[in-house]
Amino acid sequence: MSTASTTPSSIGPAPWRPIFLTHLSKMDSPEFVFTSLHPAKDPNSPVPYVPRARTCILRGLWAELPENKHNKAPRNEMVYESDLLTITTDVRMAKVPEIFASGQGHGDVSQSKGSGGGGPVEAVFWAKEAMTQWRFRGEAYVVGPDIEGEGDESSGVRTVKSKIGARMRVVKEKGKDSWSWATELTAHFGNLSPGMRGSFKNPEPGSPVSKVPEDSRLSLGQQVNDLHDEVCRKNFRVVIIRPDEVEQVDLSVPDKARRWRFTYVGPEAQSRESGNGEEILGEWKKEELWP
C-alpha cells in the first residue's frame, strides 16, 4: 500500500503543466527523446559517462494513468496527482542500468533488477502543432515488481517511495490509505496493447540474432492478454521522470520567439516576485530567457 511522503493538495500543480498537457493533446503521438548517461567503454575516456538517446512514448503522469476502456487491470482511485512523466521499458534495456549507475547513491547497477535509480536524465518534446519545444531535466526512478511485497523493503524501494512520493499531491483524502504502488504498476502494464505487452517476451534486446534464446518462451510477435504473465512481468518496468528544470521554447511567431525556464524550488516557496525577472509560482521559479 501507499507509504509515500506526499505533499498537501493546496500547493497545486506546476505552472507549466496546463499548457504542456494542452500541447500534448494536440500531438498525434506523445513521442519524445529520452537521454540518459552510459558508462564510457574506454577506460582512458576523458569523461566517465557518454549520452545515450532514444525515442520514447509518454505514458502519462504518475498516479494519473489515462483512461483506457481496453485496460482490464484494477485501478487505484484518483487520490493523487503529480507533475512526473512516465514511460514503460524492459529491464533488459540499457536505460535501466544507466539510471542506476549514474545515480548519486540511490542504487548502483547491481541493484538494477529491482526498483530504485535516481540517475540524471533529459526528455525533449517537439510539439509541432503548437510550434513549441519542451525540455525536462531531472532524475529518473524505476518501479519494478519489488515495489510492494513481503518482508523488508530494499533501499531502492525506499528511495523511489521517498523521492517520488514527495512530489505526489493528495487531491482526495478518501482512498489514500488503500492506494497501491503495485496496483499502479499493473495498471500501466494493462494500459499497453497485447502486442506491446508481448514485446516483453522478445529475445534479449541487443543480443545477436545468431544466439538462440535458452528460454523457449522468448520470441518476437507474441500477443499477451494475461496481466500477470510471468515472463512479461519479470521484465516490465515503469520509469518515472522527476523534473527539476523545465524549459518551454515557443516558436509559433518566428519574429517573436519566447523562452521560459521553470526551476523546482520546493514546497517552502510562495507565490511572489523574486527579482531579476524571476517569479516564484508555488514550488517553481519562472524566468523568461532569450530564445
C-alpha atoms as a PDB file:
ATOM      1  CA  MET A   1       0.000   0.000   0.000  1.00  0.00           C
ATOM      2  CA  SER A   2       0.984   3.647  -0.110  1.00  0.00           C
ATOM      3  CA  THR A   3       3.839   4.707   2.116  1.00  0.00           C
ATOM      4  CA  ALA A   4       4.595   7.818   0.108  1.00  0.00           C
ATOM      5  CA  SER A   5       5.521  11.046   1.845  1.00  0.00           C
ATOM      6  CA  THR A   6       3.113  13.232  -0.077  1.00  0.00           C
ATOM      7  CA  THR A   7       2.646  16.967  -0.214  1.00  0.00           C
ATOM      8  CA  PRO A   8      -0.657  18.743   0.533  1.00  0.00           C
ATOM      9  CA  SER A   9      -3.014  19.415  -2.352  1.00  0.00           C
ATOM     10  CA  SER A  10      -3.027  23.152  -1.568  1.00  0.00           C
ATOM     11  CA  ILE A  11       0.385  23.574  -3.227  1.00  0.00           C
ATOM     12  CA  GLY A  12      -1.175  22.939  -6.616  1.00  0.00           C
ATOM     13  CA  PRO A  13       0.190  21.802  -9.970  1.00  0.00           C
ATOM     14  CA  ALA A  14       3.336  23.097 -11.637  1.00  0.00           C
ATOM     15  CA  PRO A  15       2.763  26.353 -13.557  1.00  0.00           C
ATOM     16  CA  TRP A  16       3.937  24.740 -16.810  1.00  0.00           C
ATOM     17  CA  ARG A  17       1.599  21.769 -16.512  1.00  0.00           C
ATOM     18  CA  PRO A  18      -1.679  23.107 -18.045  1.00  0.00           C
ATOM     19  CA  ILE A  19      -0.139  24.357 -21.294  1.00  0.00           C
ATOM     20  CA  PHE A  20       2.135  21.307 -21.590  1.00  0.00           C
ATOM     21  CA  LEU A  21      -0.863  18.975 -21.315  1.00  0.00           C
ATOM     22  CA  THR A  22      -2.729  21.102 -23.861  1.00  0.00           C
ATOM     23  CA  HIS A  23       0.171  20.774 -26.292  1.00  0.00           C
ATOM     24  CA  LEU A  24       0.325  17.003 -25.662  1.00  0.00           C
ATOM     25  CA  SER A  25      -3.357  16.674 -26.510  1.00  0.00           C
ATOM     26  CA  LYS A  26      -2.657  18.175 -29.942  1.00  0.00           C
ATOM     27  CA  MET A  27       0.151  15.759 -30.791  1.00  0.00           C
ATOM     28  CA  ASP A  28      -0.627  12.737 -32.977  1.00  0.00           C
ATOM     29  CA  SER A  29       1.602  10.657 -30.704  1.00  0.00           C
ATOM     30  CA  PRO A  30       3.286  11.810 -27.455  1.00  0.00           C
ATOM     31  CA  GLU A  31       6.788  10.916 -28.624  1.00  0.00           C
ATOM     32  CA  PHE A  32       9.909  12.439 -27.124  1.00  0.00           C
ATOM     33  CA  VAL A  33      13.660  11.925 -26.975  1.00  0.00           C
ATOM     34  CA  PHE A  34      14.865  10.438 -23.697  1.00  0.00           C
ATOM     35  CA  THR A  35      18.546  10.771 -22.822  1.00  0.00           C
ATOM     36  CA  SER A  36      20.460   9.045 -20.036  1.00  0.00           C
ATOM     37  CA  LEU A  37      24.142   8.586 -19.198  1.00  0.00           C
ATOM     38  CA  HIS A  38      26.048   5.461 -20.199  1.00  0.00           C
ATOM     39  CA  PRO A  39      29.394   4.490 -18.626  1.00  0.00           C
ATOM     40  CA  ALA A  40      32.224   5.150 -21.087  1.00  0.00           C
ATOM     41  CA  LYS A  41      33.681   1.936 -22.521  1.00  0.00           C
ATOM     42  CA  ASP A  42      37.174   3.324 -22.932  1.00  0.00           C
ATOM     43  CA  PRO A  43      38.943   3.411 -19.538  1.00  0.00           C
ATOM     44  CA  ASN A  44      41.030   6.301 -20.903  1.00  0.00           C
ATOM     45  CA  SER A  45      37.968   8.358 -21.783  1.00  0.00           C
ATOM     46  CA  PRO A  46      38.236  11.985 -20.570  1.00  0.00           C
ATOM     47  CA  VAL A  47      34.690  11.696 -19.178  1.00  0.00           C
ATOM     48  CA  PRO A  48      33.180   8.803 -17.175  1.00  0.00           C
ATOM     49  CA  TYR A  49      29.800   8.890 -18.954  1.00  0.00           C
ATOM     50  CA  VAL A  50      28.556   9.427 -22.510  1.00  0.00           C
ATOM     51  CA  PRO A  51      24.986  10.333 -23.564  1.00  0.00           C
ATOM     52  CA  ARG A  52      22.515   7.796 -24.906  1.00  0.00           C
ATOM     53  CA  ALA A  53      19.303   8.983 -26.585  1.00  0.00           C
ATOM     54  CA  ARG A  54      16.231   7.110 -27.784  1.00  0.00           C
ATOM     55  CA  THR A  55      12.658   7.904 -28.805  1.00  0.00           C
ATOM     56  CA  CYS A  56      10.038   7.005 -26.196  1.00  0.00           C
ATOM     57  CA  ILE A  57       6.278   7.307 -25.750  1.00  0.00           C
ATOM     58  CA  LEU A  58       4.902   9.254 -22.798  1.00  0.00           C
ATOM     59  CA  ARG A  59       2.566   7.005 -20.819  1.00  0.00           C
ATOM     60  CA  GLY A  60       1.008   9.824 -18.811  1.00  0.00           C
ATOM     61  CA  LEU A  61       1.768  11.461 -15.487  1.00  0.00           C
ATOM     62  CA  TRP A  62       2.468   9.245 -12.492  1.00  0.00           C
ATOM     63  CA  ALA A  63      -0.676   8.399 -10.481  1.00  0.00           C
ATOM     64  CA  GLU A  64      -2.821   9.805 -13.326  1.00  0.00           C
ATOM     65  CA  LEU A  65      -2.870   6.950 -15.831  1.00  0.00           C
ATOM     66  CA  PRO A  66      -5.055   7.911 -18.822  1.00  0.00           C
ATOM     67  CA  GLU A  67      -8.413   6.175 -19.133  1.00  0.00           C
ATOM     68  CA  ASN A  68      -8.413   3.184 -21.480  1.00  0.00           C
ATOM     69  CA  LYS A  69     -11.588   1.157 -21.974  1.00  0.00           C
ATOM     70  CA  HIS A  70      -9.478  -1.823 -23.053  1.00  0.00           C
ATOM     71  CA  ASN A  71      -7.484  -1.861 -19.804  1.00  0.00           C
ATOM     72  CA  LYS A  72      -8.885  -4.646 -17.606  1.00  0.00           C
ATOM     73  CA  ALA A  73      -6.385  -4.133 -14.774  1.00  0.00           C
ATOM     74  CA  PRO A  74      -7.622  -2.967 -11.355  1.00  0.00           C
ATOM     75  CA  ARG A  75      -7.144   0.766 -10.902  1.00  0.00           C
ATOM     76  CA  ASN A  76      -6.266   2.911  -7.927  1.00  0.00           C
ATOM     77  CA  GLU A  77      -8.703   5.651  -7.038  1.00  0.00           C
ATOM     78  CA  MET A  78      -7.626   9.046  -8.337  1.00  0.00           C
ATOM     79  CA  VAL A  79      -6.461  10.315  -4.972  1.00  0.00           C
ATOM     80  CA  TYR A  80      -3.100  11.664  -6.134  1.00  0.00           C
ATOM     81  CA  GLU A  81      -1.802  13.810  -8.964  1.00  0.00           C
ATOM     82  CA  SER A  82       1.743  14.705  -9.946  1.00  0.00           C
ATOM     83  CA  ASP A  83       3.917  16.528 -12.471  1.00  0.00           C
ATOM     84  CA  LEU A  84       6.049  13.410 -13.050  1.00  0.00           C
ATOM     85  CA  LEU A  85       6.392  11.933 -16.536  1.00  0.00           C
ATOM     86  CA  THR A  86       6.264   8.164 -17.092  1.00  0.00           C
ATOM     87  CA  ILE A  87       7.484   5.712 -19.697  1.00  0.00           C
ATOM     88  CA  THR A  88       7.470   1.920 -19.784  1.00  0.00           C
ATOM     89  CA  THR A  89      10.563  -0.132 -20.544  1.00  0.00           C
ATOM     90  CA  ASP A  90      12.113  -3.586 -20.449  1.00  0.00           C
ATOM     91  CA  VAL A  91      14.525  -4.165 -17.549  1.00  0.00           C
ATOM     92  CA  ARG A  92      16.892  -5.742 -20.098  1.00  0.00           C
ATOM     93  CA  MET A  93      17.198  -2.428 -21.966  1.00  0.00           C
ATOM     94  CA  ALA A  94      20.338  -0.351 -21.396  1.00  0.00           C
ATOM     95  CA  LYS A  95      18.459   2.626 -19.969  1.00  0.00           C
ATOM     96  CA  VAL A  96      17.654   0.772 -16.728  1.00  0.00           C
ATOM     97  CA  PRO A  97      21.219   0.052 -15.540  1.00  0.00           C
ATOM     98  CA  GLU A  98      22.200   3.526 -16.795  1.00  0.00           C
ATOM     99  CA  ILE A  99      19.632   5.124 -14.488  1.00  0.00           C
ATOM    100  CA  PHE A 100      21.069   3.137 -11.574  1.00  0.00           C
ATOM    101  CA  ALA A 101      24.775   3.523 -12.377  1.00  0.00           C
ATOM    102  CA  SER A 102      24.620   7.301 -12.761  1.00  0.00           C
ATOM    103  CA  GLY A 103      22.535   7.978  -9.632  1.00  0.00           C
ATOM    104  CA  GLN A 104      24.063   9.701  -6.619  1.00  0.00           C
ATOM    105  CA  GLY A 105      23.926   6.963  -4.020  1.00  0.00           C
ATOM    106  CA  HIS A 106      20.336   5.998  -4.863  1.00  0.00           C
ATOM    107  CA  GLY A 107      21.185   2.463  -6.072  1.00  0.00           C
ATOM    108  CA  ASP A 108      24.092   1.011  -8.009  1.00  0.00           C
ATOM    109  CA  VAL A 109      23.898  -1.068 -11.178  1.00  0.00           C
ATOM    110  CA  SER A 110      23.964  -4.338  -9.216  1.00  0.00           C
ATOM    111  CA  GLN A 111      20.503  -3.398  -7.875  1.00  0.00           C
ATOM    112  CA  SER A 112      19.021  -2.574 -11.284  1.00  0.00           C
ATOM    113  CA  LYS A 113      16.780  -5.646 -11.416  1.00  0.00           C
ATOM    114  CA  GLY A 114      14.603  -4.043  -8.753  1.00  0.00           C
ATOM    115  CA  SER A 115      13.175  -0.608  -8.016  1.00  0.00           C
ATOM    116  CA  GLY A 116      15.436   2.386  -7.488  1.00  0.00           C
ATOM    117  CA  GLY A 117      17.728   4.526  -9.601  1.00  0.00           C
ATOM    118  CA  GLY A 118      17.965   8.297  -9.460  1.00  0.00           C
ATOM    119  CA  GLY A 119      20.262   8.942 -12.422  1.00  0.00           C
ATOM    120  CA  PRO A 120      20.131  12.272 -14.325  1.00  0.00           C
ATOM    121  CA  VAL A 121      18.044  12.279 -17.495  1.00  0.00           C
ATOM    122  CA  GLU A 122      16.646  14.680 -20.075  1.00  0.00           C
ATOM    123  CA  ALA A 123      13.400  14.462 -22.049  1.00  0.00           C
ATOM    124  CA  VAL A 124      12.734  16.662 -25.104  1.00  0.00           C
ATOM    125  CA  PHE A 125       9.354  17.023 -26.836  1.00  0.00           C
ATOM    126  CA  TRP A 126       8.763  18.833 -30.110  1.00  0.00           C
ATOM    127  CA  ALA A 127       5.072  19.756 -30.094  1.00  0.00           C
ATOM    128  CA  LYS A 128       4.901  20.603 -33.792  1.00  0.00           C
ATOM    129  CA  GLU A 129       1.205  21.512 -33.694  1.00  0.00           C
ATOM    130  CA  ALA A 130       1.993  24.245 -31.143  1.00  0.00           C
ATOM    131  CA  MET A 131       5.469  25.001 -32.562  1.00  0.00           C
ATOM    132  CA  THR A 132       6.868  24.592 -29.061  1.00  0.00           C
ATOM    133  CA  GLN A 133       9.796  22.628 -27.687  1.00  0.00           C
ATOM    134  CA  TRP A 134       9.637  21.265 -24.148  1.00  0.00           C
ATOM    135  CA  ARG A 135      12.800  20.167 -22.340  1.00  0.00           C
ATOM    136  CA  PHE A 136      12.661  18.357 -18.982  1.00  0.00           C
ATOM    137  CA  ARG A 137      15.785  17.807 -16.896  1.00  0.00           C
ATOM    138  CA  GLY A 138      15.832  15.839 -13.662  1.00  0.00           C
ATOM    139  CA  GLU A 139      16.189  12.354 -12.237  1.00  0.00           C
ATOM    140  CA  ALA A 140      14.616   9.049 -13.237  1.00  0.00           C
ATOM    141  CA  TYR A 141      13.407   6.290 -10.932  1.00  0.00           C
ATOM    142  CA  VAL A 142      12.456   2.734 -11.854  1.00  0.00           C
ATOM    143  CA  VAL A 143       9.388   0.940 -10.459  1.00  0.00           C
ATOM    144  CA  GLY A 144       9.705  -2.844 -10.513  1.00  0.00           C
ATOM    145  CA  PRO A 145       7.804  -5.845  -9.136  1.00  0.00           C
ATOM    146  CA  ASP A 146       9.510  -5.488  -5.746  1.00  0.00           C
ATOM    147  CA  ILE A 147       7.824  -2.104  -5.119  1.00  0.00           C
ATOM    148  CA  GLU A 148       5.438  -3.862  -2.701  1.00  0.00           C
ATOM    149  CA  GLY A 149       5.774  -7.263  -1.111  1.00  0.00           C
ATOM    150  CA  GLU A 150       6.504  -9.290   1.968  1.00  0.00           C
ATOM    151  CA  GLY A 151       9.437  -8.545   4.264  1.00  0.00           C
ATOM    152  CA  ASP A 152      11.728  -5.563   4.487  1.00  0.00           C
ATOM    153  CA  GLU A 153      11.837  -3.056   1.658  1.00  0.00           C
ATOM    154  CA  SER A 154      15.092  -2.663  -0.262  1.00  0.00           C
ATOM    155  CA  SER A 155      16.935   0.657  -0.214  1.00  0.00           C
ATOM    156  CA  GLY A 156      15.863   1.136  -3.840  1.00  0.00           C
ATOM    157  CA  VAL A 157      12.176   0.742  -2.994  1.00  0.00           C
ATOM    158  CA  ARG A 158      12.508   3.168  -0.088  1.00  0.00           C
ATOM    159  CA  THR A 159      14.244   5.659  -2.373  1.00  0.00           C
ATOM    160  CA  VAL A 160      11.508   5.501  -5.005  1.00  0.00           C
ATOM    161  CA  LYS A 161       8.713   5.920  -2.480  1.00  0.00           C
ATOM    162  CA  SER A 162      10.522   8.813  -0.795  1.00  0.00           C
ATOM    163  CA  LYS A 163      11.666  10.723  -3.885  1.00  0.00           C
ATOM    164  CA  ILE A 164       8.510  10.171  -5.935  1.00  0.00           C
ATOM    165  CA  GLY A 165       6.102  10.308  -3.022  1.00  0.00           C
ATOM    166  CA  ALA A 166       7.399  13.756  -2.067  1.00  0.00           C
ATOM    167  CA  ARG A 167       6.167  15.052  -5.440  1.00  0.00           C
ATOM    168  CA  MET A 168       2.729  13.387  -5.358  1.00  0.00           C
ATOM    169  CA  ARG A 169      -0.103  15.691  -4.337  1.00  0.00           C
ATOM    170  CA  VAL A 170      -3.143  14.482  -2.424  1.00  0.00           C
ATOM    171  CA  VAL A 171      -6.311  15.551  -4.226  1.00  0.00           C
ATOM    172  CA  LYS A 172      -8.758  13.324  -2.355  1.00  0.00           C
ATOM    173  CA  GLU A 173      -8.194  12.093   1.199  1.00  0.00           C
ATOM    174  CA  LYS A 174     -10.684   9.230   0.966  1.00  0.00           C
ATOM    175  CA  GLY A 175      -8.948   6.223  -0.501  1.00  0.00           C
ATOM    176  CA  LYS A 176      -5.412   7.485   0.110  1.00  0.00           C
ATOM    177  CA  ASP A 177      -4.549   4.735   2.593  1.00  0.00           C
ATOM    178  CA  SER A 178      -5.547   1.996   0.128  1.00  0.00           C
ATOM    179  CA  TRP A 179      -3.599   3.449  -2.815  1.00  0.00           C
ATOM    180  CA  SER A 180      -1.101   0.827  -4.011  1.00  0.00           C
ATOM    181  CA  TRP A 181       2.189   1.178  -5.912  1.00  0.00           C
ATOM    182  CA  ALA A 182       1.841  -2.400  -7.174  1.00  0.00           C
ATOM    183  CA  THR A 183      -1.672  -1.722  -8.463  1.00  0.00           C
ATOM    184  CA  GLU A 184      -0.391   1.330 -10.323  1.00  0.00           C
ATOM    185  CA  LEU A 185       2.412  -0.745 -11.863  1.00  0.00           C
ATOM    186  CA  THR A 186      -0.028  -3.420 -13.078  1.00  0.00           C
ATOM    187  CA  ALA A 187      -2.392  -0.752 -14.413  1.00  0.00           C
ATOM    188  CA  HIS A 188       0.457   0.615 -16.562  1.00  0.00           C
ATOM    189  CA  PHE A 189       1.040  -2.897 -17.933  1.00  0.00           C
ATOM    190  CA  GLY A 190      -2.672  -3.271 -18.638  1.00  0.00           C
ATOM    191  CA  ASN A 191      -2.744   0.030 -20.488  1.00  0.00           C
ATOM    192  CA  LEU A 192      -0.485  -1.426 -23.192  1.00  0.00           C
ATOM    193  CA  SER A 193      -1.808  -3.290 -26.219  1.00  0.00           C
ATOM    194  CA  PRO A 194      -1.479  -7.109 -26.246  1.00  0.00           C
ATOM    195  CA  GLY A 195       1.259  -6.786 -28.869  1.00  0.00           C
ATOM    196  CA  MET A 196       3.189  -4.263 -26.802  1.00  0.00           C
ATOM    197  CA  ARG A 197       2.851  -6.475 -23.721  1.00  0.00           C
ATOM    198  CA  GLY A 198       4.184  -9.330 -25.838  1.00  0.00           C
ATOM    199  CA  SER A 199       7.358  -7.347 -26.561  1.00  0.00           C
ATOM    200  CA  PHE A 200       8.458  -8.102 -23.008  1.00  0.00           C
ATOM    201  CA  LYS A 201       8.765 -11.743 -24.149  1.00  0.00           C
ATOM    202  CA  ASN A 202      11.097 -10.857 -27.015  1.00  0.00           C
ATOM    203  CA  PRO A 203      14.613 -12.325 -27.089  1.00  0.00           C
ATOM    204  CA  GLU A 204      17.020 -10.227 -25.038  1.00  0.00           C
ATOM    205  CA  PRO A 205      17.265  -6.770 -26.657  1.00  0.00           C
ATOM    206  CA  GLY A 206      20.633  -6.136 -28.288  1.00  0.00           C
ATOM    207  CA  SER A 207      21.735  -9.766 -28.242  1.00  0.00           C
ATOM    208  CA  PRO A 208      22.990 -11.353 -31.521  1.00  0.00           C
ATOM    209  CA  VAL A 209      20.273 -12.974 -33.657  1.00  0.00           C
ATOM    210  CA  SER A 210      22.651 -15.904 -34.025  1.00  0.00           C
ATOM    211  CA  LYS A 211      22.217 -16.562 -30.299  1.00  0.00           C
ATOM    212  CA  VAL A 212      19.110 -18.692 -29.841  1.00  0.00           C
ATOM    213  CA  PRO A 213      17.304 -17.821 -26.573  1.00  0.00           C
ATOM    214  CA  GLU A 214      17.686 -20.513 -23.923  1.00  0.00           C
ATOM    215  CA  ASP A 215      14.139 -19.790 -22.763  1.00  0.00           C
ATOM    216  CA  SER A 216      11.736 -21.222 -25.363  1.00  0.00           C
ATOM    217  CA  ARG A 217       9.069 -18.739 -24.230  1.00  0.00           C
ATOM    218  CA  LEU A 218      11.009 -15.864 -25.811  1.00  0.00           C
ATOM    219  CA  SER A 219      10.112 -14.972 -29.405  1.00  0.00           C
ATOM    220  CA  LEU A 220       9.008 -11.990 -31.483  1.00  0.00           C
ATOM    221  CA  GLY A 221       5.421 -11.018 -32.246  1.00  0.00           C
ATOM    222  CA  GLN A 222       3.626 -12.505 -29.261  1.00  0.00           C
ATOM    223  CA  GLN A 223       0.209 -11.278 -28.104  1.00  0.00           C
ATOM    224  CA  VAL A 224      -0.228 -11.247 -24.316  1.00  0.00           C
ATOM    225  CA  ASN A 225      -3.587 -10.818 -22.584  1.00  0.00           C
ATOM    226  CA  ASP A 226      -2.616 -12.160 -19.166  1.00  0.00           C
ATOM    227  CA  LEU A 227      -1.883  -9.165 -16.922  1.00  0.00           C
ATOM    228  CA  HIS A 228       0.319 -11.368 -14.732  1.00  0.00           C
ATOM    229  CA  ASP A 229       2.253 -13.233 -17.419  1.00  0.00           C
ATOM    230  CA  GLU A 230       5.334 -14.464 -15.576  1.00  0.00           C
ATOM    231  CA  VAL A 231       7.926 -13.602 -18.217  1.00  0.00           C
ATOM    232  CA  CYS A 232       6.470 -10.225 -19.173  1.00  0.00           C
ATOM    233  CA  ARG A 233       6.043  -9.009 -15.628  1.00  0.00           C
ATOM    234  CA  LYS A 234       9.590 -10.082 -14.749  1.00  0.00           C
ATOM    235  CA  ASN A 235      10.870  -7.764 -17.497  1.00  0.00           C
ATOM    236  CA  PHE A 236       8.301  -4.934 -17.339  1.00  0.00           C
ATOM    237  CA  ARG A 237       9.196  -1.631 -15.646  1.00  0.00           C
ATOM    238  CA  VAL A 238       7.765   1.863 -15.293  1.00  0.00           C
ATOM    239  CA  VAL A 239      10.290   4.717 -15.347  1.00  0.00           C
ATOM    240  CA  ILE A 240       9.270   7.951 -13.618  1.00  0.00           C
ATOM    241  CA  ILE A 241      10.965  11.213 -14.577  1.00  0.00           C
ATOM    242  CA  ARG A 242      11.114  13.703 -11.709  1.00  0.00           C
ATOM    243  CA  PRO A 243      11.830  17.073 -13.361  1.00  0.00           C
ATOM    244  CA  ASP A 244      13.786  19.765 -11.559  1.00  0.00           C
ATOM    245  CA  GLU A 245      14.058  22.100 -14.562  1.00  0.00           C
ATOM    246  CA  VAL A 246      11.635  22.602 -17.448  1.00  0.00           C
ATOM    247  CA  GLU A 247      12.190  24.823 -20.485  1.00  0.00           C
ATOM    248  CA  GLN A 248       9.482  25.951 -22.869  1.00  0.00           C
ATOM    249  CA  VAL A 249      10.516  27.497 -26.223  1.00  0.00           C
ATOM    250  CA  ASP A 250       7.600  28.967 -28.147  1.00  0.00           C
ATOM    251  CA  LEU A 251       8.382  29.393 -31.862  1.00  0.00           C
ATOM    252  CA  SER A 252       4.801  29.894 -33.024  1.00  0.00           C
ATOM    253  CA  VAL A 253       5.582  33.503 -34.018  1.00  0.00           C
ATOM    254  CA  PRO A 254       9.071  33.397 -35.628  1.00  0.00           C
ATOM    255  CA  ASP A 255       9.993  37.035 -35.073  1.00  0.00           C
ATOM    256  CA  LYS A 256       8.652  36.984 -31.507  1.00  0.00           C
ATOM    257  CA  ALA A 257      10.012  33.684 -30.209  1.00  0.00           C
ATOM    258  CA  ARG A 258       9.893  33.305 -26.420  1.00  0.00           C
ATOM    259  CA  ARG A 259      11.592  31.022 -23.916  1.00  0.00           C
ATOM    260  CA  TRP A 260      10.896  30.311 -20.264  1.00  0.00           C
ATOM    261  CA  ARG A 261      12.736  28.257 -17.679  1.00  0.00           C
ATOM    262  CA  PHE A 262      10.924  26.742 -14.688  1.00  0.00           C
ATOM    263  CA  THR A 263      13.135  25.571 -11.818  1.00  0.00           C
ATOM    264  CA  TYR A 264      11.847  23.477  -8.918  1.00  0.00           C
ATOM    265  CA  VAL A 265      12.445  25.274  -5.620  1.00  0.00           C
ATOM    266  CA  GLY A 266      10.418  23.102  -3.217  1.00  0.00           C
ATOM    267  CA  PRO A 267       7.194  23.371  -1.213  1.00  0.00           C
ATOM    268  CA  GLU A 268       8.530  26.111   1.075  1.00  0.00           C
ATOM    269  CA  ALA A 269       8.263  28.699  -1.711  1.00  0.00           C
ATOM    270  CA  GLN A 270       5.265  31.022  -2.002  1.00  0.00           C
ATOM    271  CA  SER A 271       3.888  32.919  -4.983  1.00  0.00           C
ATOM    272  CA  ARG A 272       5.859  36.147  -5.152  1.00  0.00           C
ATOM    273  CA  GLU A 273       8.249  38.164  -7.281  1.00  0.00           C
ATOM    274  CA  SER A 274      11.849  37.205  -6.599  1.00  0.00           C
ATOM    275  CA  GLY A 275      13.505  39.972  -8.624  1.00  0.00           C
ATOM    276  CA  ASN A 276      15.751  39.916 -11.688  1.00  0.00           C
ATOM    277  CA  GLY A 277      12.809  38.968 -13.869  1.00  0.00           C
ATOM    278  CA  GLU A 278      12.134  35.829 -11.835  1.00  0.00           C
ATOM    279  CA  GLU A 279       8.844  34.861 -10.247  1.00  0.00           C
ATOM    280  CA  ILE A 280       8.128  32.182  -7.646  1.00  0.00           C
ATOM    281  CA  LEU A 281       4.956  30.248  -8.509  1.00  0.00           C
ATOM    282  CA  GLY A 282       4.118  27.663  -5.874  1.00  0.00           C
ATOM    283  CA  GLU A 283       7.032  25.229  -5.892  1.00  0.00           C
ATOM    284  CA  TRP A 284       8.579  26.588  -9.094  1.00  0.00           C
ATOM    285  CA  LYS A 285      10.649  29.602 -10.089  1.00  0.00           C
ATOM    286  CA  LYS A 286       9.829  31.057 -13.515  1.00  0.00           C
ATOM    287  CA  GLU A 287      12.259  33.138 -15.569  1.00  0.00           C
ATOM    288  CA  GLU A 288      11.979  34.374 -19.146  1.00  0.00           C
ATOM    289  CA  LEU A 289      15.090  33.929 -21.292  1.00  0.00           C
ATOM    290  CA  TRP A 290      16.202  34.992 -24.726  1.00  0.00           C
ATOM    291  CA  PRO A 291      15.308  32.202 -27.141  1.00  0.00           C
END
